[in-house]
Protein backbone atom coordinates (compact mmCIF):
# COMPACT_ATOMS: atom_id res chain seq x y z
CA MET A 1 -64.06 60.15 17.80
CA GLU A 2 -62.22 63.28 17.92
CA GLU A 3 -58.91 61.42 17.93
CA PHE A 4 -60.22 59.28 14.92
CA LYS A 5 -60.71 62.37 13.29
CA LYS A 6 -57.13 63.67 14.12
CA PHE A 7 -55.68 60.25 13.08
CA LEU A 8 -57.37 60.36 9.66
CA LYS A 9 -55.91 63.77 9.30
CA SER A 10 -52.59 63.19 9.79
CA ARG A 11 -52.82 60.49 7.90
CA ARG A 12 -54.53 61.39 4.39
CA ILE A 13 -51.78 60.83 1.96
CA ALA A 14 -51.66 57.15 3.30
CA LEU A 15 -55.29 57.03 3.15
CA ILE A 16 -55.23 58.29 -0.72
CA ILE A 17 -53.07 56.41 -1.99
CA SER A 18 -54.39 53.14 -0.34
CA ALA A 19 -58.08 53.93 -1.50
CA LEU A 20 -56.78 54.64 -5.07
CA TYR A 21 -54.49 51.12 -5.05
CA VAL A 22 -57.33 48.69 -3.22
CA GLY A 23 -59.84 50.37 -5.35
CA LEU A 24 -58.06 50.01 -8.84
CA GLY A 25 -57.28 46.21 -7.66
CA THR A 26 -61.07 45.84 -6.29
CA THR A 27 -62.49 46.92 -9.43
CA ALA A 28 -60.29 44.80 -11.43
CA VAL A 29 -61.19 41.54 -9.65
CA CYS A 30 -64.83 42.26 -10.25
CA SER A 31 -64.31 42.90 -13.76
CA VAL A 32 -62.53 39.45 -14.57
CA TYR A 33 -65.59 37.34 -15.72
CA GLY A 34 -66.46 37.70 -19.27
CA SER A 35 -70.37 38.62 -17.90
CA ASP A 36 -69.00 41.47 -15.57
CA LEU A 37 -69.56 44.76 -16.98
CA LEU A 38 -66.11 46.12 -17.00
CA TYR A 39 -64.72 42.98 -18.82
CA GLY A 40 -61.59 43.91 -20.78
CA GLU A 41 -57.73 42.81 -21.04
CA TRP A 42 -57.09 45.89 -18.89
CA ALA A 43 -58.31 43.72 -15.90
CA GLY A 44 -55.53 41.79 -16.21
CA TYR A 45 -52.82 44.32 -16.10
CA VAL A 46 -53.81 45.75 -13.29
CA LEU A 47 -54.21 42.45 -11.23
CA LEU A 48 -50.50 42.14 -11.99
CA ILE A 49 -49.65 45.68 -10.36
CA THR A 50 -51.72 44.92 -7.51
CA VAL A 51 -50.99 41.87 -6.75
CA PRO A 52 -50.14 42.14 -2.96
CA VAL A 53 -53.95 43.28 -2.10
CA THR A 54 -55.97 41.23 -4.66
CA PHE A 55 -54.06 37.39 -4.05
CA ILE A 56 -56.84 36.12 -2.15
CA SER A 57 -59.74 37.75 -3.64
CA PHE A 58 -58.62 37.17 -6.98
CA PHE A 59 -58.90 32.98 -6.10
CA TYR A 60 -61.82 33.69 -4.07
CA ARG A 61 -63.53 35.35 -7.37
CA PHE A 62 -62.79 32.11 -9.04
CA VAL A 63 -64.40 29.37 -6.53
CA ASP A 64 -67.54 31.45 -6.27
CA ALA A 65 -69.28 34.29 -8.33
CA ASN A 66 -70.48 36.03 -5.52
CA ILE A 67 -69.03 39.70 -5.23
CA PHE A 68 -70.32 40.54 -1.89
CA PRO A 69 -67.44 38.35 0.04
CA ILE A 70 -64.59 40.08 -2.46
CA LEU A 71 -66.10 43.26 -1.18
CA VAL A 72 -65.34 42.06 2.60
CA ILE A 73 -61.90 40.78 1.70
CA GLN A 74 -60.79 43.90 -0.27
CA PHE A 75 -62.04 46.14 2.87
CA ILE A 76 -59.99 44.05 5.07
CA MET A 77 -56.99 44.74 2.63
CA PHE A 78 -57.66 48.18 2.51
CA ILE A 79 -57.74 48.57 6.10
CA ILE A 80 -53.90 46.72 6.12
CA THR A 81 -52.70 48.70 3.49
CA PHE A 82 -53.91 51.68 5.19
CA LEU A 83 -52.33 50.91 8.22
CA ILE A 84 -49.20 49.43 7.03
CA LEU A 85 -48.62 53.00 4.74
CA SER A 86 -49.20 55.15 7.42
CA LEU A 87 -46.35 53.57 9.32
CA PHE A 88 -44.31 54.42 6.65
CA ILE A 89 -45.82 57.81 5.74
CA LYS A 90 -45.76 60.31 8.17
CA LYS A 91 -46.55 64.22 7.87
CA LYS A 92 -43.97 66.73 8.53
CA LYS A 93 -44.11 68.90 11.09
């Protein structure tokens, strides 16, 4: 557990960037339907910006209106995005 905390601490910037990027995309995917709470024109623009992480969940949202599978897909995308970003963003020593 201590190694996991050390891993996250050394990659804090990658964690913040991936959380904001995937979180914004998740909010946009969950706001696509007209009956959604945050429905608006902004969702389309955000989906264009976050296409790499919202592609699968965007199409799944139109197949099934249930939100829970979308959250699972986006969590998996968050983990993948974090791991990719942590390879490119290194902490300076």
